[in-house]
Protein backbone atom coordinates (compact mmCIF):
# COMPACT_ATOMS: atom_id res chain seq x y z
CA UNK A 1 -0.14 0.07 -0.10
CA UNK A 2 1.78 3.39 -1.19
CA UNK A 3 1.15 5.87 2.11
CA UNK A 4 1.76 9.78 2.53
CA UNK A 5 5.13 10.66 1.54
CA UNK A 6 6.10 7.71 -0.09
CA UNK A 7 8.22 8.07 -3.57
CA UNK A 8 7.67 6.39 -7.23
CA UNK A 9 9.66 5.92 -9.21
CA UNK A 10 8.58 4.75 -12.73
CA UNK A 11 10.16 2.42 -14.49
CA UNK A 12 8.91 3.79 -18.06
CA UNK A 13 7.63 7.31 -18.81
CA UNK A 14 5.29 8.52 -21.73
CA UNK A 15 5.46 11.83 -22.94
CA UNK A 16 1.99 12.60 -24.48
CA UNK A 17 1.48 15.95 -26.45
CA UNK A 18 -0.70 15.46 -28.91
CA UNK A 19 -1.40 19.05 -29.35
CA UNK A 20 2.29 20.16 -30.02
CA UNK A 21 3.29 19.25 -33.87
CA UNK A 22 6.66 18.35 -34.62
CA UNK A 23 7.80 20.67 -37.55
CA UNK A 24 9.55 19.68 -40.15
CA UNK A 25 8.69 16.02 -39.75
CA UNK A 26 6.13 14.01 -41.75
CA UNK A 27 2.86 14.43 -41.14
CA UNK A 28 4.43 17.33 -38.54
CA UNK A 29 4.33 14.08 -36.02
CA UNK A 30 6.99 12.54 -33.97
CA UNK A 31 7.52 9.14 -31.62
CA UNK A 32 11.37 9.32 -30.11
CA UNK A 33 12.30 6.81 -27.71
CA UNK A 34 14.99 7.51 -24.93
CA UNK A 35 15.87 3.94 -23.65
CA UNK A 36 19.12 5.29 -21.87
CA UNK A 37 16.22 7.11 -19.84
CA UNK A 38 13.35 4.89 -20.44
CA UNK A 39 11.02 8.22 -21.42
CA UNK A 40 9.06 8.39 -24.69
CA UNK A 41 7.92 11.29 -26.58
CA UNK A 42 4.92 11.73 -28.46
CA UNK A 43 4.58 14.50 -30.45
CA UNK A 44 1.44 15.51 -32.65
CA UNK A 45 -0.58 12.28 -32.94
CA UNK A 46 -3.86 12.32 -31.33
CA UNK A 47 -3.97 7.98 -31.37
CA UNK A 48 -4.25 7.24 -27.48
CA UNK A 49 -3.23 3.80 -28.72
CA UNK A 50 0.24 5.30 -29.23
CA UNK A 51 0.50 5.50 -25.02
CA UNK A 52 0.26 1.75 -24.99
CA UNK A 53 2.65 1.33 -27.86
CA UNK A 54 5.61 3.34 -26.00
CA UNK A 55 5.00 1.73 -23.19
CA UNK A 56 5.40 -1.67 -24.96
CA UNK A 57 8.62 -0.68 -26.46
CA UNK A 58 10.34 0.22 -23.78
CA UNK A 59 9.15 -2.88 -22.01
CA UNK A 60 10.93 -5.36 -25.04
CA UNK A 61 14.41 -3.30 -24.13
CA UNK A 62 14.40 -4.03 -20.48
CA UNK A 63 12.84 -7.10 -20.56
CA UNK A 64 15.71 -8.10 -23.59
CA UNK A 65 18.15 -6.65 -21.05
CA UNK A 66 17.10 -8.75 -17.94
CA UNK A 67 17.24 -12.37 -20.68
CA UNK A 68 13.49 -12.73 -21.55
CA UNK A 69 12.04 -11.40 -24.79
CA UNK A 70 8.83 -9.91 -25.38
CA UNK A 71 6.27 -12.02 -27.70
CA UNK A 72 3.23 -10.86 -29.78
CA UNK A 73 1.08 -13.52 -28.46
CA UNK A 74 -1.56 -14.50 -26.75
CA UNK A 75 -1.17 -17.45 -23.89
CA UNK A 76 -3.83 -20.36 -22.74
CA UNK A 77 -3.22 -22.92 -19.97
CA UNK A 78 -4.09 -26.25 -21.54
CA UNK A 79 -5.01 -29.36 -19.25
CA UNK A 80 -4.45 -32.53 -21.63
CA UNK A 81 -3.98 -36.22 -20.14
CA UNK A 82 -2.35 -35.72 -16.73
CA UNK A 83 -0.38 -33.01 -17.47
CA UNK A 84 -0.96 -29.07 -17.62
CA UNK A 85 0.94 -27.09 -19.84
CA UNK A 86 0.71 -22.82 -20.75
CA UNK A 87 0.48 -22.16 -24.22
CA UNK A 88 1.69 -19.12 -25.81
CA UNK A 89 0.16 -18.16 -29.49
CA UNK A 90 1.77 -15.79 -31.88
CA UNK A 91 0.43 -14.62 -34.66
CA UNK A 92 -0.12 -10.59 -36.91
CA UNK A 93 -3.01 -9.05 -36.64
CA UNK A 94 -5.78 -11.01 -38.45
CA UNK A 95 -4.32 -14.25 -38.61
CA UNK A 96 -6.73 -15.52 -35.77
CA UNK A 97 -4.74 -15.14 -32.15
CA UNK A 98 -7.37 -13.94 -29.73
CA UNK A 99 -9.88 -16.90 -31.47
CA UNK A 100 -7.27 -19.66 -30.81
CA UNK A 101 -5.87 -17.99 -27.58
CA UNK A 102 -9.97 -18.65 -26.31
CA UNK A 103 -11.00 -21.99 -28.30
CA UNK A 104 -10.73 -24.81 -26.49
CA UNK A 105 -8.73 -27.86 -26.38
CA UNK A 106 -8.51 -30.86 -24.17
CA UNK A 107 -10.36 -31.28 -21.31
CA UNK A 108 -9.62 -28.00 -19.75
CA UNK A 109 -8.89 -24.71 -21.36
CA UNK A 110 -7.70 -20.95 -19.43
CA UNK A 111 -7.11 -17.81 -21.09
CA UNK A 112 -4.26 -16.19 -19.76
CA UNK A 113 -3.18 -13.25 -21.98
CA UNK A 114 -4.87 -11.88 -25.67
CA UNK A 115 -2.23 -10.07 -26.60
CA UNK A 116 1.83 -9.68 -25.00
CA UNK A 117 3.44 -11.37 -23.22
CA UNK A 118 7.59 -12.12 -21.87
CA UNK A 119 8.99 -15.02 -21.68
CA UNK A 120 12.09 -15.54 -19.56
CA UNK A 121 13.97 -19.08 -19.44
CA UNK A 122 12.65 -22.14 -18.46
CA UNK A 123 9.45 -21.14 -19.99
CA UNK A 124 8.33 -18.33 -16.96
CA UNK A 125 6.02 -16.20 -18.62
CA UNK A 126 5.11 -12.28 -17.46
CA UNK A 127 1.60 -11.40 -19.34
CA UNK A 128 1.26 -7.18 -19.31
CA UNK A 129 -2.60 -6.83 -19.73
CA UNK A 130 -5.50 -7.88 -17.05
CA UNK A 131 -7.82 -7.80 -20.56
CA UNK A 132 -8.77 -8.78 -23.51
CA UNK A 133 -8.83 -6.86 -27.28
CA UNK A 134 -11.08 -8.98 -29.33
CA UNK A 135 -11.91 -8.81 -32.76
CA UNK A 136 -16.08 -8.47 -33.68
CA UNK A 137 -16.29 -8.81 -37.38
CA UNK A 138 -18.13 -12.60 -37.91
CA UNK A 139 -18.51 -12.58 -33.50
CA UNK A 140 -20.94 -15.63 -33.11
CA UNK A 141 -21.79 -17.85 -30.40
CA UNK A 142 -21.48 -20.99 -31.60
CA UNK A 143 -17.40 -20.28 -33.37
CA UNK A 144 -16.29 -18.41 -30.51
CA UNK A 145 -18.46 -18.69 -27.16
CA UNK A 146 -16.50 -17.31 -24.73
CA UNK A 147 -15.48 -13.73 -27.32
CA UNK A 148 -19.23 -13.43 -27.81
CA UNK A 149 -19.90 -13.72 -23.85
CA UNK A 150 -17.22 -11.44 -22.62
CA UNK A 151 -18.53 -9.39 -25.60
CA UNK A 152 -22.09 -9.10 -24.35
CA UNK A 153 -21.06 -8.30 -20.67
CA UNK A 154 -21.94 -5.27 -19.46
CA UNK A 155 -18.24 -4.58 -18.20
CA UNK A 156 -17.05 -4.87 -21.93
CA UNK A 157 -16.54 -2.03 -23.69
CA UNK A 158 -16.78 -2.16 -28.13
CA UNK A 159 -15.77 0.16 -31.07
CA UNK A 160 -16.96 0.34 -34.55
CA UNK A 161 -19.29 -2.13 -33.58
CA UNK A 162 -23.18 -2.19 -36.00
CA UNK A 163 -25.89 -1.44 -33.81
CA UNK A 164 -29.38 -1.33 -35.76
CA UNK A 165 -32.00 0.98 -34.88
CA UNK A 166 -33.28 -0.61 -32.07
CA UNK A 167 -29.47 -0.99 -30.18
CA UNK A 168 -29.13 -3.96 -30.97
CA UNK A 169 -24.98 -5.58 -32.69
CA UNK A 170 -24.50 -7.09 -35.96
CA UNK A 171 -20.98 -8.38 -35.44
CA UNK A 172 -21.71 -9.31 -39.39
CA UNK A 173 -22.95 -6.48 -40.69
CA UNK A 174 -21.50 -5.43 -44.45
CA UNK A 175 -23.09 -2.87 -47.19
CA UNK A 176 -24.91 -0.51 -45.78
CA UNK A 177 -28.45 1.18 -46.99
CA UNK A 178 -29.81 4.86 -47.75
CA UNK A 179 -31.91 4.14 -44.71
CA UNK A 180 -28.86 3.53 -42.76
CA UNK A 181 -27.10 5.68 -44.26
CA UNK A 182 -29.39 8.43 -43.75
CA UNK A 183 -29.54 7.32 -39.94
CA UNK A 184 -25.89 7.45 -39.45
CA UNK A 185 -25.16 10.43 -41.44
CA UNK A 186 -23.70 11.90 -38.04
CA UNK A 187 -21.29 9.35 -37.64
CA UNK A 188 -19.68 8.49 -41.11
CA UNK A 189 -19.50 12.19 -41.72
CA UNK A 190 -17.56 12.72 -38.46
CA UNK A 191 -15.20 9.64 -39.07
CA UNK A 192 -14.17 11.21 -42.61
CA UNK A 193 -17.17 10.46 -45.17
CA UNK A 194 -17.94 13.38 -47.85
CA UNK A 195 -20.89 15.25 -46.30
CA UNK A 196 -22.06 15.31 -50.17
CA UNK A 197 -21.73 11.41 -51.38
CA UNK A 198 -23.45 10.48 -47.80
CA UNK A 199 -26.27 12.72 -49.16
CA UNK A 200 -26.86 11.18 -52.16
CA UNK A 201 -26.57 8.13 -51.18
CA UNK A 202 -29.09 8.34 -48.61
CA UNK A 203 -31.22 10.05 -51.22
CA UNK A 204 -30.84 6.50 -53.85
CA UNK A 205 -29.01 8.63 -56.56
CA UNK A 206 -25.58 6.31 -55.93
CA UNK A 207 -26.86 2.24 -55.81
CA UNK A 208 -24.67 0.02 -54.13
CA UNK A 209 -23.82 -2.12 -57.46
CA UNK A 210 -22.70 1.08 -59.05
CA UNK A 211 -20.09 2.20 -56.17
CA UNK A 212 -18.58 -1.64 -55.85
CA UNK A 213 -15.77 -3.68 -57.75
CA UNK A 214 -15.75 -7.28 -58.45
CA UNK A 215 -14.67 -8.38 -55.08
CA UNK A 216 -17.05 -5.85 -53.26
CA UNK A 217 -14.71 -3.42 -52.08
CA UNK A 218 -16.29 0.36 -52.31
CA UNK A 219 -14.57 2.55 -54.77
CA UNK A 220 -12.14 5.95 -53.47
CA UNK A 221 -14.23 8.09 -51.57
CA UNK A 222 -17.63 5.45 -50.75
CA UNK A 223 -16.31 3.75 -48.28
CA UNK A 224 -18.37 4.57 -46.08
CA UNK A 225 -21.07 2.53 -47.66
CA UNK A 226 -19.93 -0.77 -45.77
CA UNK A 227 -19.65 -1.23 -42.28
CA UNK A 228 -16.20 -1.76 -41.45
CA UNK A 229 -14.67 -5.07 -39.97
CA UNK A 230 -12.41 -3.75 -38.19
CA UNK A 231 -14.59 -3.86 -34.79
CA UNK A 232 -13.16 -4.49 -31.75
CA UNK A 233 -14.68 -5.39 -27.77
CA UNK A 234 -12.37 -4.62 -24.76
CA UNK A 235 -13.02 -7.39 -22.10
CA UNK A 236 -11.55 -7.38 -18.77
CA UNK A 237 -10.48 -11.25 -17.90
CA UNK A 238 -13.26 -10.40 -15.03
CA UNK A 239 -15.90 -10.83 -18.14
CA UNK A 240 -13.75 -14.28 -19.05
CA UNK A 241 -15.47 -17.16 -18.67
CA UNK A 242 -12.96 -19.58 -16.31
CA UNK A 243 -9.62 -16.96 -16.74
CA UNK A 244 -6.36 -18.68 -15.37
CA UNK A 245 -4.88 -17.88 -12.43
CA UNK A 246 -2.16 -15.90 -13.42
CA UNK A 247 -0.07 -16.43 -9.71
CA UNK A 248 0.04 -20.54 -10.83
CA UNK A 249 0.70 -20.12 -14.41
CA UNK A 250 2.96 -24.16 -15.18
CA UNK A 251 6.05 -23.11 -17.40
CA UNK A 252 5.05 -22.89 -21.20
CA UNK A 253 5.65 -25.97 -23.24
CA UNK A 254 3.88 -25.31 -26.61
CA UNK A 255 4.51 -22.45 -28.50
CA UNK A 256 3.07 -21.89 -31.76
CA UNK A 257 3.00 -19.16 -34.97
CA UNK A 258 -0.14 -18.46 -36.94
CA UNK A 259 0.11 -18.07 -40.51
CA UNK A 260 -3.02 -17.24 -42.12
CA UNK A 261 -2.53 -18.63 -46.02
CA UNK A 262 -4.68 -17.17 -48.72
CA UNK A 263 -4.99 -16.93 -52.37
CA UNK A 264 -3.74 -18.82 -54.90
CA UNK A 265 -0.87 -20.39 -53.89
CA UNK A 266 -1.69 -20.54 -50.47
CA UNK A 267 0.79 -24.04 -49.38
CA UNK A 268 1.23 -23.74 -45.78
CA UNK A 269 -0.37 -27.02 -43.84
CA UNK A 270 -2.78 -26.90 -41.68
CA UNK A 271 -0.36 -27.89 -39.08
CA UNK A 272 3.60 -28.26 -39.01
CA UNK A 273 6.05 -29.09 -36.14
CA UNK A 274 9.62 -27.64 -35.66
CA UNK A 275 12.20 -29.52 -35.69
CA UNK A 276 15.02 -27.54 -33.42
CA UNK A 277 14.28 -23.76 -32.12
CA UNK A 278 16.53 -22.54 -34.57
CA UNK A 279 13.76 -23.87 -37.45
CA UNK A 280 11.06 -22.45 -34.93
CA UNK A 281 13.40 -19.05 -34.49
CA UNK A 282 13.66 -18.50 -38.62
CA UNK A 283 9.78 -18.14 -38.81
CA UNK A 284 9.04 -16.04 -35.94
CA UNK A 285 11.25 -13.54 -37.50
CA UNK A 286 9.61 -14.20 -40.75
CA UNK A 287 6.03 -13.50 -39.19
CA UNK A 288 4.35 -15.13 -42.37
CA UNK A 289 0.77 -14.31 -42.78
CA UNK A 290 -1.84 -12.47 -45.84
CA UNK A 291 -2.57 -9.26 -45.14
CA UNK A 292 -5.90 -6.90 -45.16
CA UNK A 293 -6.36 -3.50 -44.82
CA UNK A 294 -9.35 -2.01 -42.04
CA UNK A 295 -11.34 -0.93 -45.43
CA UNK A 296 -10.39 -3.92 -46.21
CA UNK A 297 -8.56 -3.04 -49.76
CA UNK A 298 -4.93 -4.14 -49.12
CA UNK A 299 -4.56 -6.97 -49.65
CA UNK A 300 -1.68 -9.86 -49.79
CA UNK A 301 1.69 -11.97 -48.08
CA UNK A 302 3.73 -9.82 -45.65
CA UNK A 303 6.74 -10.35 -43.62
CA UNK A 304 7.14 -8.90 -40.81
CA UNK A 305 9.51 -10.32 -37.04
CA UNK A 306 6.35 -11.06 -34.83
CA UNK A 307 7.16 -8.46 -32.16
CA UNK A 308 7.79 -5.71 -34.55
CA UNK A 309 7.19 -2.39 -34.79
CA UNK A 310 7.32 -2.84 -30.30
CA UNK A 311 10.89 -4.11 -30.20
CA UNK A 312 13.06 -0.94 -30.56
CA UNK A 313 16.79 -3.32 -30.59
CA UNK A 314 17.71 -4.78 -34.19
CA UNK A 315 15.37 -7.57 -35.05
CA UNK A 316 18.52 -9.93 -35.61
CA UNK A 317 19.06 -10.19 -31.36
CA UNK A 318 14.68 -11.14 -31.31
CA UNK A 319 15.63 -14.67 -33.41
CA UNK A 320 18.63 -14.88 -31.39
CA UNK A 321 17.07 -15.14 -28.39
CA UNK A 322 13.90 -16.61 -28.95
CA UNK A 323 16.35 -20.03 -30.07
CA UNK A 324 18.23 -19.30 -26.68
CA UNK A 325 14.99 -19.43 -24.58
CA UNK A 326 13.53 -22.35 -26.29
CA UNK A 327 16.46 -24.63 -25.72
CA UNK A 328 15.80 -24.04 -21.57
CA UNK A 329 12.87 -25.45 -22.21
CA UNK A 330 12.34 -29.08 -21.82
CA UNK A 331 10.20 -30.82 -23.95
CA UNK A 332 9.12 -27.57 -25.29
CA UNK A 333 6.35 -28.48 -28.54
CA UNK A 334 7.50 -25.36 -31.39
CA UNK A 335 4.81 -25.41 -33.77
CA UNK A 336 2.89 -23.68 -36.72
CA UNK A 337 -0.78 -23.45 -38.13
CA UNK A 338 -2.49 -22.46 -40.89
CA UNK A 339 -5.34 -20.82 -40.05
CA UNK A 340 -6.61 -19.10 -43.81
CA UNK A 341 -7.04 -21.28 -46.79
CA UNK A 342 -5.22 -23.79 -49.14
CA UNK A 343 -4.88 -23.59 -52.47
CA UNK A 344 -7.41 -19.93 -52.74
CA UNK A 345 -9.67 -17.96 -51.06
CA UNK A 346 -13.57 -17.20 -49.86
CA UNK A 347 -14.23 -17.12 -53.70
CA UNK A 348 -12.38 -20.30 -54.48
CA UNK A 349 -13.65 -22.28 -51.84
CA UNK A 350 -16.82 -21.68 -53.01
CA UNK A 351 -16.24 -22.90 -56.81
CA UNK A 352 -14.74 -25.79 -54.66
CA UNK A 353 -11.07 -25.18 -55.69
CA UNK A 354 -9.87 -23.71 -52.57
CA UNK A 355 -9.90 -25.04 -49.15
CA UNK A 356 -10.76 -23.13 -45.59
CA UNK A 357 -9.11 -23.96 -42.03
CA UNK A 358 -12.28 -23.74 -39.92
CA UNK A 359 -11.91 -22.94 -36.66
CA UNK A 360 -12.81 -26.58 -35.70
CA UNK A 361 -10.50 -28.07 -37.86
CA UNK A 362 -7.90 -25.78 -35.67
CA UNK A 363 -9.03 -26.71 -32.12
CA UNK A 364 -8.76 -30.58 -33.99
CA UNK A 365 -5.39 -30.59 -35.03
CA UNK A 366 -3.93 -28.94 -31.46
CA UNK A 367 -6.00 -30.99 -29.38
CA UNK A 368 -4.26 -33.97 -31.19
CA UNK A 369 -0.61 -32.73 -30.95
CA UNK A 370 -0.90 -31.36 -27.49
CA UNK A 371 -2.28 -35.52 -26.68
CA UNK A 372 0.35 -36.69 -28.32
CA UNK A 373 -1.42 -38.45 -30.63
CA UNK A 374 -0.03 -37.45 -34.24
CA UNK A 375 2.32 -39.21 -36.26
CA UNK A 376 4.46 -36.81 -37.53
CA UNK A 377 6.50 -36.95 -41.26
CA UNK A 378 9.12 -34.87 -42.60
CA UNK A 379 8.00 -32.30 -45.42
CA UNK A 380 10.27 -32.62 -48.53
CA UNK A 381 10.63 -29.01 -48.83
CA UNK A 382 11.27 -27.71 -45.71
CA UNK A 383 12.61 -30.06 -43.50
CA UNK A 384 9.67 -29.31 -41.02
CA UNK A 385 7.12 -32.09 -40.13
CA UNK A 386 3.92 -32.45 -40.97
CA UNK A 387 1.29 -34.43 -40.32
CA UNK A 388 1.39 -38.07 -41.66
CA UNK A 389 -1.99 -38.82 -42.85
CA UNK A 390 -1.36 -42.04 -44.34
CA UNK A 391 -0.66 -43.35 -40.66
CA UNK A 392 -3.21 -45.74 -39.59
CA UNK A 393 -2.56 -43.65 -36.53
CA UNK A 394 -3.95 -40.69 -37.27
CA UNK A 395 -7.32 -42.16 -38.67
CA UNK A 396 -8.97 -39.86 -36.09
CA UNK A 397 -8.04 -36.73 -36.74
CA UNK A 398 -8.30 -37.38 -40.92
CA UNK A 399 -11.95 -37.93 -39.83
CA UNK A 400 -11.98 -33.91 -38.51
CA UNK A 401 -9.57 -32.76 -40.86
CA UNK A 402 -9.25 -33.21 -44.40
CA UNK A 403 -5.65 -34.46 -45.97
CA UNK A 404 -5.27 -31.74 -47.95
CA UNK A 405 -5.63 -29.53 -45.56
CA UNK A 406 -2.76 -31.74 -43.66
CA UNK A 407 -0.38 -31.88 -46.70
CA UNK A 408 -1.49 -29.35 -49.29
CA UNK A 409 0.71 -31.09 -51.85
CA UNK A 410 -1.69 -33.36 -52.58
CA UNK A 411 -4.23 -30.51 -53.31
CA UNK A 412 -2.50 -29.27 -56.08
CA UNK A 413 -1.47 -32.69 -57.39
CA UNK A 414 -5.14 -33.24 -57.44
CA UNK A 415 -5.65 -30.23 -59.68
CA UNK A 416 -2.99 -30.81 -61.93
CA UNK A 417 -1.15 -27.84 -60.21
CA UNK A 418 1.83 -29.58 -59.07
CA UNK A 419 4.77 -28.12 -61.07
CA UNK A 420 2.67 -24.50 -59.37
CA UNK A 421 3.14 -26.03 -55.65
CA UNK A 422 6.90 -26.53 -56.75
CA UNK A 423 7.63 -23.45 -58.07
CA UNK A 424 6.27 -21.78 -54.60
CA UNK A 425 8.74 -23.84 -52.32
CA UNK A 426 11.34 -23.04 -54.23
CA UNK A 427 10.34 -19.20 -54.14
CA UNK A 428 9.99 -19.42 -50.47
CA UNK A 429 13.06 -20.91 -49.86
CA UNK A 430 14.92 -18.50 -51.68
CA UNK A 431 12.47 -15.11 -50.68
CA UNK A 432 12.30 -16.25 -47.02
CA UNK A 433 16.59 -16.60 -46.86
CA UNK A 434 16.52 -12.83 -48.67
CA UNK A 435 14.24 -11.74 -45.91
CA UNK A 436 15.89 -13.16 -43.07
CA UNK A 437 19.78 -11.84 -44.07
CA UNK A 438 18.40 -8.23 -44.13
CA UNK A 439 17.81 -8.99 -40.77
CA UNK A 440 21.13 -10.04 -39.99
CA UNK A 441 19.76 -13.32 -38.85
CA UNK A 442 22.22 -16.20 -37.57
CA UNK A 443 23.04 -18.49 -40.67
CA UNK A 444 22.24 -21.48 -38.30
CA UNK A 445 18.51 -20.07 -37.81
CA UNK A 446 18.50 -19.13 -41.52
CA UNK A 447 19.85 -22.99 -42.88
CA UNK A 448 17.33 -24.72 -40.58
CA UNK A 449 14.51 -22.45 -41.96
CA UNK A 450 15.66 -22.30 -45.88
CA UNK A 451 17.96 -25.23 -46.35
């Protein structure tokens, strides 16, 4: 307890002056991180999230200096068989990190943390938030019951969630009708929509079909005709079903990476087990996924070290520290899961060409791995291990997850696209090596990742 006269010296300081422009800097904004004094100066931006980002950058530096590593990861306690383990799930925005963190595996799953954790030797874990910041687009009780109930709890906050005229949330709202736009005109204009275009659409002078391209993306200046998919809920852990006791966490013994693959060349296996800490560290640094902007316009494959933009030191240090920490964790499972598609996207799935990795596929794969029921086989292209779809021991898993998701090469071969798969594998090995070299990653890690 703090009593009058006590002094307090903070570890970090954030000095935030949104009304003080940084003249001469791009956008008249500047963020200056002084790691010697553990002080961050934020000049110009009025996005309140910069205060959190400023603290996280300094936390990353402090934890690294003390021998640990901050991970952009969720975490949960899982009880399978006769053991309890803590699992971390790393993933960039949109990969399904929160969904995976709060989904159920085994006989007991207890959420620990949604976004940022600090990993220490021997698998000790520190958490950074007493809450969850979850995406809400497409949220339903059937697919994500924990997040659904937490979002509707009176203690939760929501942002960018569509409410109908009766105040009822619609988590799957897409296109807005002219009546919707007329009702929400003040809100839309207040967030940047052109008043004349808002009035024209509300009056029926522009039809929706005229404003959307073949992918359903609005023309420039008409973004307001579709409700943003970037809805969020801020849920305190007190509103999360059966959250873990943070004072009694078992060591981390399962560490995963999420890759939301998508597109005609999407060939990341549904589940991968890494064969060494060096190989896992390489994929940790790659941070591969498919990105979408909040408006849904910017898409494509991307790579980004998992703690970027929060890690304020040379990124190659992250890979080295990740590998070293994994070496101190006996029996740790190091894995990667594709949470997107195989051989296509949403449209090609409807055409019977691609396959979607669904939430129940992900849960089935993780549960089988955690319970030690998977028989693995070495992947010929990358040297990591994938599920052996020919092993009788994997029959139960194959009854829940298509073989083509577990080994995408089979889908490409069945569709006469084996050469496309081979070309993809060669390109990935080349591009991954080039990317890791840019960050000064150790050659042992690059070789384990790319061959």
